[in-house]
Protein backbone atom coordinates (compact mmCIF):
# COMPACT_ATOMS: atom_id res chain seq x y z
CA UNK A 1 -11.61 -15.58 13.49
CA UNK A 2 -9.66 -18.71 13.35
CA UNK A 3 -8.88 -20.68 10.28
CA UNK A 4 -6.32 -23.28 9.08
CA UNK A 5 -3.77 -22.14 6.46
CA UNK A 6 -2.10 -25.05 4.96
CA UNK A 7 1.29 -24.75 3.06
CA UNK A 8 2.08 -21.84 5.44
CA UNK A 9 5.92 -22.02 4.62
CA UNK A 10 5.52 -20.69 1.12
CA UNK A 11 6.30 -17.42 -0.17
CA UNK A 12 2.68 -16.22 -0.67
CA UNK A 13 1.54 -17.82 2.51
CA UNK A 14 3.97 -15.50 4.48
CA UNK A 15 2.25 -12.58 3.02
CA UNK A 16 -1.15 -14.04 4.01
CA UNK A 17 -0.08 -14.43 7.38
CA UNK A 18 0.97 -10.93 7.63
CA UNK A 19 -2.16 -9.48 6.04
CA UNK A 20 -4.19 -11.92 8.36
CA UNK A 21 -2.79 -10.54 11.56
CA UNK A 22 -3.40 -6.91 10.37
CA UNK A 23 -7.00 -7.83 9.68
CA UNK A 24 -7.55 -9.37 12.90
CA UNK A 25 -7.80 -13.03 11.85
CA UNK A 26 -5.80 -15.83 13.65
CA UNK A 27 -4.42 -18.37 11.25
CA UNK A 28 -3.42 -21.60 12.54
CA UNK A 29 -0.57 -22.72 10.25
CA UNK A 30 -0.05 -26.14 8.87
CA UNK A 31 2.00 -28.00 6.35
CA UNK A 32 4.08 -31.18 5.98
CA UNK A 33 7.39 -29.95 7.30
CA UNK A 34 7.74 -29.90 10.79
CA UNK A 35 10.96 -27.85 11.08
CA UNK A 36 9.43 -24.99 8.64
CA UNK A 37 6.24 -24.86 10.17
CA UNK A 38 7.45 -24.71 13.81
CA UNK A 39 10.02 -21.88 12.65
CA UNK A 40 7.20 -19.86 11.22
CA UNK A 41 4.78 -20.54 14.10
CA UNK A 42 7.37 -19.30 16.38
CA UNK A 43 8.19 -15.94 14.33
CA UNK A 44 4.40 -15.13 14.29
CA UNK A 45 3.53 -16.61 17.63
CA UNK A 46 0.81 -18.90 16.18
CA UNK A 47 -0.50 -22.27 16.69
CA UNK A 48 0.49 -24.88 14.36
CA UNK A 49 -0.10 -28.29 13.28
CA UNK A 50 2.02 -30.77 10.96
CA UNK A 51 0.42 -33.06 8.69
CA UNK A 52 0.72 -34.39 4.97
CA UNK A 53 -2.26 -35.17 2.65
CA UNK A 54 -1.65 -38.86 2.21
CA UNK A 55 -4.29 -39.88 4.75
CA UNK A 56 -8.07 -38.64 4.22
CA UNK A 57 -8.90 -39.87 7.90
CA UNK A 58 -6.05 -37.77 9.23
CA UNK A 59 -6.79 -34.59 7.25
CA UNK A 60 -10.31 -34.83 8.48
CA UNK A 61 -9.24 -35.24 12.02
CA UNK A 62 -7.17 -32.03 11.55
CA UNK A 63 -10.01 -29.97 10.00
CA UNK A 64 -12.67 -30.79 12.53
CA UNK A 65 -12.06 -27.80 14.80
CA UNK A 66 -12.16 -25.39 11.92
CA UNK A 67 -14.80 -23.81 9.96
CA UNK A 68 -12.46 -22.73 7.13
CA UNK A 69 -9.23 -24.05 5.27
CA UNK A 70 -7.32 -21.79 3.03
CA UNK A 71 -5.06 -24.29 1.05
CA UNK A 72 -1.69 -22.24 0.00
CA UNK A 73 0.25 -25.47 -1.00
CA UNK A 74 0.93 -26.11 -4.47
CA UNK A 75 0.82 -27.52 -7.10
CA UNK A 76 -2.76 -27.47 -6.56
CA UNK A 77 -3.07 -30.52 -8.88
CA UNK A 78 -1.82 -32.59 -6.15
CA UNK A 79 -3.17 -30.83 -2.92
CA UNK A 80 -6.78 -29.86 -3.98
CA UNK A 81 -8.40 -33.13 -4.31
CA UNK A 82 -7.56 -34.85 -0.93
CA UNK A 83 -8.10 -31.48 0.73
CA UNK A 84 -11.66 -30.67 -0.76
CA UNK A 85 -12.84 -34.22 -0.11
CA UNK A 86 -11.66 -33.82 3.62
CA UNK A 87 -13.35 -30.62 4.00
CA UNK A 88 -16.56 -31.78 2.67
CA UNK A 89 -16.26 -34.72 5.13
CA UNK A 90 -15.45 -32.26 8.17
CA UNK A 91 -18.17 -29.55 6.88
CA UNK A 92 -15.05 -27.19 6.48
CA UNK A 93 -15.21 -24.23 3.79
CA UNK A 94 -12.33 -24.79 1.15
CA UNK A 95 -10.57 -21.99 -0.37
CA UNK A 96 -7.21 -21.99 -2.27
CA UNK A 97 -5.00 -19.68 -4.46
CA UNK A 98 -4.67 -21.82 -7.52
CA UNK A 99 -4.68 -20.66 -11.04
CA UNK A 100 -4.78 -24.18 -12.61
CA UNK A 101 -7.62 -24.95 -15.04
CA UNK A 102 -7.86 -28.54 -14.12
CA UNK A 103 -8.02 -27.68 -10.28
CA UNK A 104 -11.18 -25.30 -10.86
CA UNK A 105 -12.60 -28.14 -12.97
CA UNK A 106 -12.09 -30.69 -10.39
CA UNK A 107 -13.40 -28.13 -7.75
CA UNK A 108 -16.60 -27.64 -9.76
CA UNK A 109 -17.25 -31.41 -9.90
CA UNK A 110 -17.68 -31.37 -6.01
CA UNK A 111 -20.44 -28.69 -6.37
CA UNK A 112 -23.32 -30.92 -5.39
CA UNK A 113 -21.52 -32.57 -2.39
CA UNK A 114 -20.34 -29.14 -1.17
CA UNK A 115 -23.87 -27.81 -1.20
CA UNK A 116 -25.10 -30.72 0.55
CA UNK A 117 -22.44 -30.45 3.29
CA UNK A 118 -23.60 -26.75 3.65
CA UNK A 119 -20.05 -25.47 2.66
CA UNK A 120 -18.29 -23.11 0.19
CA UNK A 121 -15.73 -24.57 -2.36
CA UNK A 122 -13.87 -21.56 -3.79
CA UNK A 123 -10.65 -22.06 -5.48
CA UNK A 124 -8.64 -19.09 -6.82
CA UNK A 125 -9.17 -16.45 -4.31
CA UNK A 126 -5.77 -14.54 -5.18
CA UNK A 127 -4.40 -12.89 -8.13
CA UNK A 128 -5.70 -16.22 -9.97
CA UNK A 129 -8.44 -15.27 -10.46
CA UNK A 130 -10.20 -12.51 -8.45
CA UNK A 131 -9.32 -9.37 -10.45
CA UNK A 132 -9.75 -11.01 -13.95
CA UNK A 133 -13.08 -13.00 -12.78
CA UNK A 134 -14.42 -9.44 -11.36
CA UNK A 135 -13.40 -7.88 -14.64
CA UNK A 136 -15.25 -10.63 -16.77
CA UNK A 137 -18.41 -10.18 -14.60
CA UNK A 138 -18.37 -6.46 -15.29
CA UNK A 139 -17.88 -6.73 -18.88
CA UNK A 140 -20.80 -9.23 -19.01
CA UNK A 141 -22.81 -6.93 -17.08
CA UNK A 142 -22.46 -4.10 -19.53
CA UNK A 143 -23.08 -6.67 -22.62
CA UNK A 144 -25.49 -9.42 -21.35
CA UNK A 145 -25.59 -10.70 -24.95
CA UNK A 146 -21.83 -11.24 -25.02
CA UNK A 147 -20.62 -14.62 -26.64
CA UNK A 148 -16.77 -13.79 -26.70
CA UNK A 149 -14.71 -12.75 -23.99
CA UNK A 150 -10.93 -11.79 -24.08
CA UNK A 151 -9.01 -11.07 -20.88
CA UNK A 152 -5.42 -9.94 -20.69
CA UNK A 153 -3.03 -9.09 -17.86
CA UNK A 154 0.50 -7.93 -17.42
CA UNK A 155 2.64 -6.27 -14.61
CA UNK A 156 4.86 -3.43 -13.67
CA UNK A 157 7.54 -4.31 -11.15
CA UNK A 158 7.25 -7.61 -9.13
CA UNK A 159 8.71 -10.91 -9.73
CA UNK A 160 8.12 -14.69 -9.75
CA UNK A 161 7.70 -16.80 -6.59
CA UNK A 162 9.29 -20.47 -6.01
CA UNK A 163 5.73 -21.77 -5.77
CA UNK A 164 4.48 -20.27 -9.03
CA UNK A 165 7.56 -21.29 -10.81
CA UNK A 166 7.19 -24.86 -9.59
CA UNK A 167 3.71 -25.25 -10.86
CA UNK A 168 4.79 -23.94 -14.18
CA UNK A 169 7.36 -26.75 -14.22
CA UNK A 170 4.81 -29.23 -13.32
CA UNK A 171 2.82 -28.16 -16.61
CA UNK A 172 5.87 -28.01 -18.89
CA UNK A 173 5.12 -29.26 -22.32
CA UNK A 174 1.31 -29.17 -21.84
CA UNK A 175 0.45 -26.47 -24.35
CA UNK A 176 -2.37 -24.09 -23.73
CA UNK A 177 -6.24 -23.91 -23.61
CA UNK A 178 -9.32 -21.79 -24.58
CA UNK A 179 -13.08 -22.15 -24.30
CA UNK A 180 -14.70 -22.73 -27.61
CA UNK A 181 -18.52 -23.02 -27.91
CA UNK A 182 -18.62 -23.73 -24.12
CA UNK A 183 -15.99 -26.56 -24.22
CA UNK A 184 -12.37 -26.45 -22.94
CA UNK A 185 -10.31 -27.13 -25.93
CA UNK A 186 -6.48 -27.78 -26.05
CA UNK A 187 -4.50 -25.24 -28.17
CA UNK A 188 -1.08 -24.32 -28.65
CA UNK A 189 0.66 -22.08 -26.28
CA UNK A 190 0.47 -18.57 -27.73
CA UNK A 191 -1.92 -19.46 -30.47
CA UNK A 192 -3.25 -15.94 -30.55
CA UNK A 193 -1.08 -12.94 -29.85
CA UNK A 194 -1.26 -9.20 -30.39
CA UNK A 195 -0.54 -5.88 -28.87
CA UNK A 196 -2.83 -4.61 -26.04
CA UNK A 197 -3.27 -1.19 -24.65
CA UNK A 198 -3.55 -1.64 -20.93
CA UNK A 199 -3.68 2.08 -20.16
CA UNK A 200 -0.54 2.74 -18.45
CA UNK A 201 1.64 0.95 -20.97
CA UNK A 202 0.89 -1.02 -24.30
CA UNK A 203 2.20 -4.56 -24.28
CA UNK A 204 2.62 -7.39 -26.61
CA UNK A 205 0.62 -10.33 -25.30
CA UNK A 206 -0.06 -13.90 -26.14
CA UNK A 207 -2.59 -16.60 -25.12
CA UNK A 208 -1.94 -18.92 -22.14
CA UNK A 209 -3.83 -21.62 -20.06
CA UNK A 210 -5.25 -19.23 -17.49
CA UNK A 211 -7.87 -20.05 -14.94
CA UNK A 212 -10.32 -17.75 -16.33
CA UNK A 213 -10.83 -20.41 -19.17
CA UNK A 214 -12.82 -22.12 -16.53
CA UNK A 215 -14.03 -19.65 -13.98
CA UNK A 216 -15.18 -16.87 -16.47
CA UNK A 217 -17.60 -19.45 -18.00
CA UNK A 218 -19.03 -20.53 -14.77
CA UNK A 219 -19.44 -17.02 -13.73
CA UNK A 220 -20.71 -15.37 -16.91
CA UNK A 221 -21.75 -18.24 -19.22
CA UNK A 222 -19.84 -16.66 -22.06
CA UNK A 223 -18.93 -19.69 -24.38
CA UNK A 224 -16.04 -18.35 -26.12
CA UNK A 225 -12.91 -17.35 -23.71
CA UNK A 226 -9.27 -16.77 -24.35
CA UNK A 227 -6.67 -15.26 -21.82
CA UNK A 228 -3.57 -13.26 -22.73
CA UNK A 229 -0.53 -12.39 -20.67
CA UNK A 230 2.09 -9.58 -21.65
CA UNK A 231 5.38 -11.01 -22.93
CA UNK A 232 8.22 -9.71 -24.95
CA UNK A 233 7.39 -10.02 -28.78
CA UNK A 234 10.22 -12.39 -29.24
CA UNK A 235 8.64 -14.91 -26.90
CA UNK A 236 5.53 -15.24 -29.14
CA UNK A 237 7.79 -16.26 -31.90
CA UNK A 238 9.88 -18.55 -29.83
CA UNK A 239 6.86 -20.65 -28.42
CA UNK A 240 5.75 -21.28 -32.05
CA UNK A 241 8.43 -24.00 -31.96
CA UNK A 242 7.54 -25.29 -28.43
CA UNK A 243 5.35 -28.13 -29.96
CA UNK A 244 8.50 -29.71 -31.29
CA UNK A 245 10.23 -29.78 -27.79
CA UNK A 246 7.05 -30.84 -25.66
CA UNK A 247 7.85 -34.56 -25.56
CA UNK A 248 11.27 -33.58 -23.98
CA UNK A 249 9.76 -30.91 -21.65
CA UNK A 250 7.25 -33.48 -20.33
CA UNK A 251 9.99 -35.68 -19.20
CA UNK A 252 10.73 -36.15 -15.37
CA UNK A 253 14.40 -35.21 -16.08
CA UNK A 254 13.63 -32.01 -17.90
CA UNK A 255 11.25 -31.04 -14.91
CA UNK A 256 14.03 -31.99 -12.45
CA UNK A 257 16.49 -29.91 -14.17
CA UNK A 258 14.11 -26.95 -14.12
CA UNK A 259 13.05 -27.55 -10.40
CA UNK A 260 16.45 -27.64 -9.32
CA UNK A 261 17.22 -24.36 -10.76
CA UNK A 262 14.17 -22.88 -9.16
CA UNK A 263 15.09 -24.20 -5.84
CA UNK A 264 18.34 -22.64 -5.91
CA UNK A 265 17.41 -19.09 -7.45
CA UNK A 266 13.84 -18.33 -6.82
CA UNK A 267 12.01 -17.10 -3.70
CA UNK A 268 9.65 -14.13 -4.77
CA UNK A 269 9.57 -10.43 -5.16
CA UNK A 270 11.16 -8.02 -2.40
CA UNK A 271 8.98 -6.28 0.01
CA UNK A 272 9.63 -2.99 -2.04
CA UNK A 273 8.58 -4.73 -5.18
CA UNK A 274 5.26 -5.96 -3.55
CA UNK A 275 4.59 -2.25 -2.60
CA UNK A 276 5.55 -0.51 -5.71
CA UNK A 277 4.68 -3.08 -8.36
CA UNK A 278 1.17 -2.92 -10.28
CA UNK A 279 -1.00 -5.50 -11.93
CA UNK A 280 -2.73 -4.20 -15.11
CA UNK A 281 -5.67 -5.95 -16.82
CA UNK A 282 -7.66 -5.38 -19.74
CA UNK A 283 -10.84 -7.20 -21.09
CA UNK A 284 -13.24 -6.93 -24.12
CA UNK A 285 -16.62 -8.75 -24.84
CA UNK A 286 -18.57 -8.72 -27.97
CA UNK A 287 -21.74 -10.56 -29.46
CA UNK A 288 -22.84 -11.93 -32.69
CA UNK A 289 -24.16 -8.44 -33.67
CA UNK A 290 -20.78 -6.99 -33.44
CA UNK A 291 -21.66 -4.93 -30.54
CA UNK A 292 -18.62 -4.70 -28.14
CA UNK A 293 -17.63 -3.37 -24.69
CA UNK A 294 -14.12 -3.14 -23.13
CA UNK A 295 -12.49 -2.06 -19.94
CA UNK A 296 -9.33 -1.95 -17.78
CA UNK A 297 -8.50 -2.60 -14.20
CA UNK A 298 -5.46 -1.69 -12.24
CA UNK A 299 -4.60 -3.24 -8.78
CA UNK A 300 -1.81 -3.89 -6.59
CA UNK A 301 1.20 -6.35 -7.34
CA UNK A 302 -0.01 -9.86 -7.88
CA UNK A 303 1.54 -11.59 -4.59
CA UNK A 304 0.52 -8.82 -2.24
CA UNK A 305 -2.77 -8.84 -4.08
CA UNK A 306 -3.23 -12.42 -3.46
CA UNK A 307 -2.62 -12.07 0.21
CA UNK A 308 -5.22 -9.10 0.34
CA UNK A 309 -7.98 -10.71 -1.50
CA UNK A 310 -7.65 -14.19 0.18
CA UNK A 311 -7.70 -12.57 3.58
CA UNK A 312 -10.81 -10.33 2.54
CA UNK A 313 -12.55 -13.56 1.20
CA UNK A 314 -11.55 -15.48 4.53
CA UNK A 315 -12.94 -12.52 6.56
CA UNK A 316 -16.46 -12.79 4.68
CA UNK A 317 -16.61 -16.62 4.97
CA UNK A 318 -15.76 -16.66 8.67
CA UNK A 319 -18.41 -13.86 9.26
CA UNK A 320 -20.86 -16.18 7.24
CA UNK A 321 -21.06 -13.98 4.21
CA UNK A 322 -20.95 -16.72 1.54
CA UNK A 323 -22.86 -18.99 -0.83
CA UNK A 324 -22.47 -22.73 -0.61
CA UNK A 325 -21.48 -25.10 -3.33
CA UNK A 326 -18.91 -24.37 -5.74
CA UNK A 327 -18.20 -20.69 -6.42
CA UNK A 328 -16.00 -18.16 -8.29
CA UNK A 329 -14.96 -15.08 -6.35
CA UNK A 330 -17.15 -12.92 -8.68
CA UNK A 331 -20.22 -15.29 -8.66
CA UNK A 332 -20.13 -15.35 -4.87
CA UNK A 333 -19.26 -11.50 -4.19
CA UNK A 334 -19.88 -9.75 -7.70
CA UNK A 335 -17.48 -7.67 -9.68
CA UNK A 336 -17.12 -5.07 -6.76
CA UNK A 337 -15.20 -7.49 -4.83
CA UNK A 338 -11.88 -6.30 -6.36
CA UNK A 339 -12.62 -2.59 -5.75
CA UNK A 340 -12.79 -3.43 -1.82
CA UNK A 341 -9.03 -3.70 -2.37
CA UNK A 342 -7.29 -0.32 -1.94
CA UNK A 343 -5.65 0.95 -5.07
CA UNK A 344 -8.03 -0.86 -7.41
CA UNK A 345 -9.40 0.96 -10.24
CA UNK A 346 -11.86 0.01 -12.93
CA UNK A 347 -12.29 2.19 -16.01
CA UNK A 348 -14.14 1.71 -19.23
CA UNK A 349 -12.07 2.01 -22.48
């Protein structure tokens, strides 16, 4: 049950290592920083290897002894392409924990090559996008004629990791995205906002460029998709002015200042926050006749959930329970995948 975990020095990767060992998996940890990787390998008594992603032949050489690679090194807009191409060349299944729309679309473009290589390419095996992808598929199953899909999520407790914040910096000034008539369209961040009843709490929410704009279309074929996240109502007012500042936010100087603050101030939620936090999701579909169906999903705190879902999927792939080619979590395993994680509850509105 050996697999390669790349980017093993990150916050989420640490949780993945811990949950892997509990599940009887044996990750071989990897990354580009020898000092960091060696320290983690010693801490968990694991084998390790050190390499960067600048040389395709080197990556292929490192992957040749593994049937599976889990990429936890963000920003995935930089790491996914070389790793996917090397996985296809070495016949190694590829998983990652991205939430970036462009990375899902990139991975999807390798679908035919992945099928020919006999491997699975499945980005988004963590909180982005396992619970929301499962919820989207559940909604579609209950209203097969759906033409519109809304998804939303918020959290109780928890916090932000260094890696997640760094990805956000990478996308500063880029606006948002929605699926319209089957096509991904650029829209303003927070172009839609409303109060959503998540069951346990009611929370104001605004639209964001979440991965389901790509993945939910792949797995449900619903042509119109938006995704909301819970935010303070004042934030929805503030982002209306973001377009005025996008040229500044896109500059390397602005991103450098933001990244320096993140490097000094963010690591991630505490162990207690991982255990006590909750993720709340809501979704609704409707069709041209005005028929609709909605449901809610409650599950564990996002980072812990990422560790649990990625390890669960790794276990399935290592046991050869998989579909080849490009897959989303729910297209491969159905909406019940999230219910395999303890504490997950799916209820109709």
